[in-house]
Amino acid sequence: MTDPFASVVSARDVYDATRETQSEVRAAVARMDRIEQAQESLRREQERHRARLDAIDRWRYALPVSALSAVVAASAAIVTALLG
């Protein structure tokens, strides 16, 4: 009976395995680069949405103050006109 583990590994076998590993690593790095680019794109898009939401919030909180100021100014003008 022959030993199944008694084989010779040649330099060509090592070279081929190395080349295959390099190819797989390059493919993995390329996928990682694409993922990082996609993440960066999503981050920029989220920042744009956040800026829009912040602008909407500023207007939403400013409107009641502006409306109250307008009512007070109108009331003051009416009182001034009636008393003056």
Protein backbone atom coordinates (compact mmCIF):
# COMPACT_ATOMS: atom_id res chain seq x y z
CA MET A 1 0.00 0.00 0.00
CA THR A 2 1.33 3.44 -0.89
CA ASP A 3 1.34 6.42 1.42
CA PRO A 4 -1.11 9.12 0.09
CA PHE A 5 0.89 11.85 1.83
CA ALA A 6 4.19 10.89 0.25
CA SER A 7 4.20 13.34 -2.65
CA VAL A 8 6.65 15.85 -3.99
CA VAL A 9 5.81 19.56 -3.96
CA SER A 10 7.62 21.30 -6.75
CA ALA A 11 8.60 24.94 -7.03
CA ARG A 12 5.98 25.22 -9.78
CA ASP A 13 3.28 24.06 -7.33
CA VAL A 14 4.34 26.69 -4.82
CA TYR A 15 4.51 29.36 -7.54
CA ASP A 16 1.03 28.48 -8.83
CA ALA A 17 -0.41 28.53 -5.31
CA THR A 18 1.24 31.89 -4.68
CA ARG A 19 -0.16 33.36 -7.91
CA GLU A 20 -3.64 32.08 -7.07
CA THR A 21 -3.42 33.60 -3.60
CA GLN A 22 -2.25 36.92 -5.05
CA SER A 23 -5.20 36.93 -7.43
CA GLU A 24 -7.65 36.26 -4.62
CA VAL A 25 -6.10 38.97 -2.44
CA ARG A 26 -6.27 41.49 -5.30
CA ALA A 27 -9.95 40.66 -5.85
CA ALA A 28 -10.66 41.03 -2.11
CA VAL A 29 -8.85 44.37 -1.96
CA ALA A 30 -10.79 45.60 -5.00
CA ARG A 31 -14.07 44.61 -3.32
CA MET A 32 -13.01 46.39 -0.14
CA ASP A 33 -12.17 49.53 -2.15
CA ARG A 34 -15.61 49.45 -3.80
CA ILE A 35 -17.27 49.00 -0.41
CA GLU A 36 -15.31 51.91 1.07
CA GLN A 37 -16.28 54.13 -1.88
CA ALA A 38 -19.93 53.16 -1.45
CA GLN A 39 -19.73 53.90 2.28
CA GLU A 40 -18.16 57.30 1.60
CA SER A 41 -20.90 58.08 -0.90
CA LEU A 42 -23.56 57.11 1.64
CA ARG A 43 -21.87 59.20 4.31
CA ARG A 44 -21.87 62.27 2.04
CA GLU A 45 -25.53 61.68 1.16
CA GLN A 46 -26.42 61.38 4.86
CA GLU A 47 -24.60 64.64 5.57
CA ARG A 48 -26.60 66.38 2.83
CA HIS A 49 -29.85 65.02 4.26
CA ARG A 50 -28.80 66.05 7.76
CA ALA A 51 -28.05 69.59 6.54
CA ARG A 52 -31.49 69.77 4.89
CA LEU A 53 -33.20 68.53 8.04
CA ASP A 54 -31.29 71.06 10.12
CA ALA A 55 -32.40 73.85 7.77
CA ILE A 56 -36.02 72.68 8.03
CA ASP A 57 -35.73 72.57 11.82
CA ARG A 58 -34.35 76.12 11.92
CA TRP A 59 -37.33 77.37 9.90
CA ARG A 60 -39.80 75.35 11.94
CA TYR A 61 -38.55 76.83 15.19
CA ALA A 62 -38.20 80.33 13.77
CA LEU A 63 -41.77 80.54 12.42
CA PRO A 64 -43.58 80.64 15.79
CA VAL A 65 -41.22 83.32 17.07
CA SER A 66 -41.71 85.34 13.88
CA ALA A 67 -45.48 84.94 14.03
CA LEU A 68 -45.56 86.03 17.66
CA SER A 69 -43.40 89.05 16.86
CA ALA A 70 -45.71 89.98 13.99
CA VAL A 71 -48.79 89.74 16.23
CA VAL A 72 -47.13 91.88 18.91
CA ALA A 73 -46.05 94.48 16.33
CA ALA A 74 -49.51 94.58 14.77
CA SER A 75 -51.13 94.94 18.20
CA ALA A 76 -48.73 97.72 19.10
CA ALA A 77 -49.50 99.50 15.84
CA ILE A 78 -53.25 99.23 16.47
CA VAL A 79 -52.93 100.48 20.05
CA THR A 80 -50.70 103.33 18.92
CA ALA A 81 -53.18 104.30 16.17
CA LEU A 82 -56.16 104.22 18.56
CA LEU A 83 -54.44 106.18 21.33
CA GLY A 84 -52.57 108.58 19.12
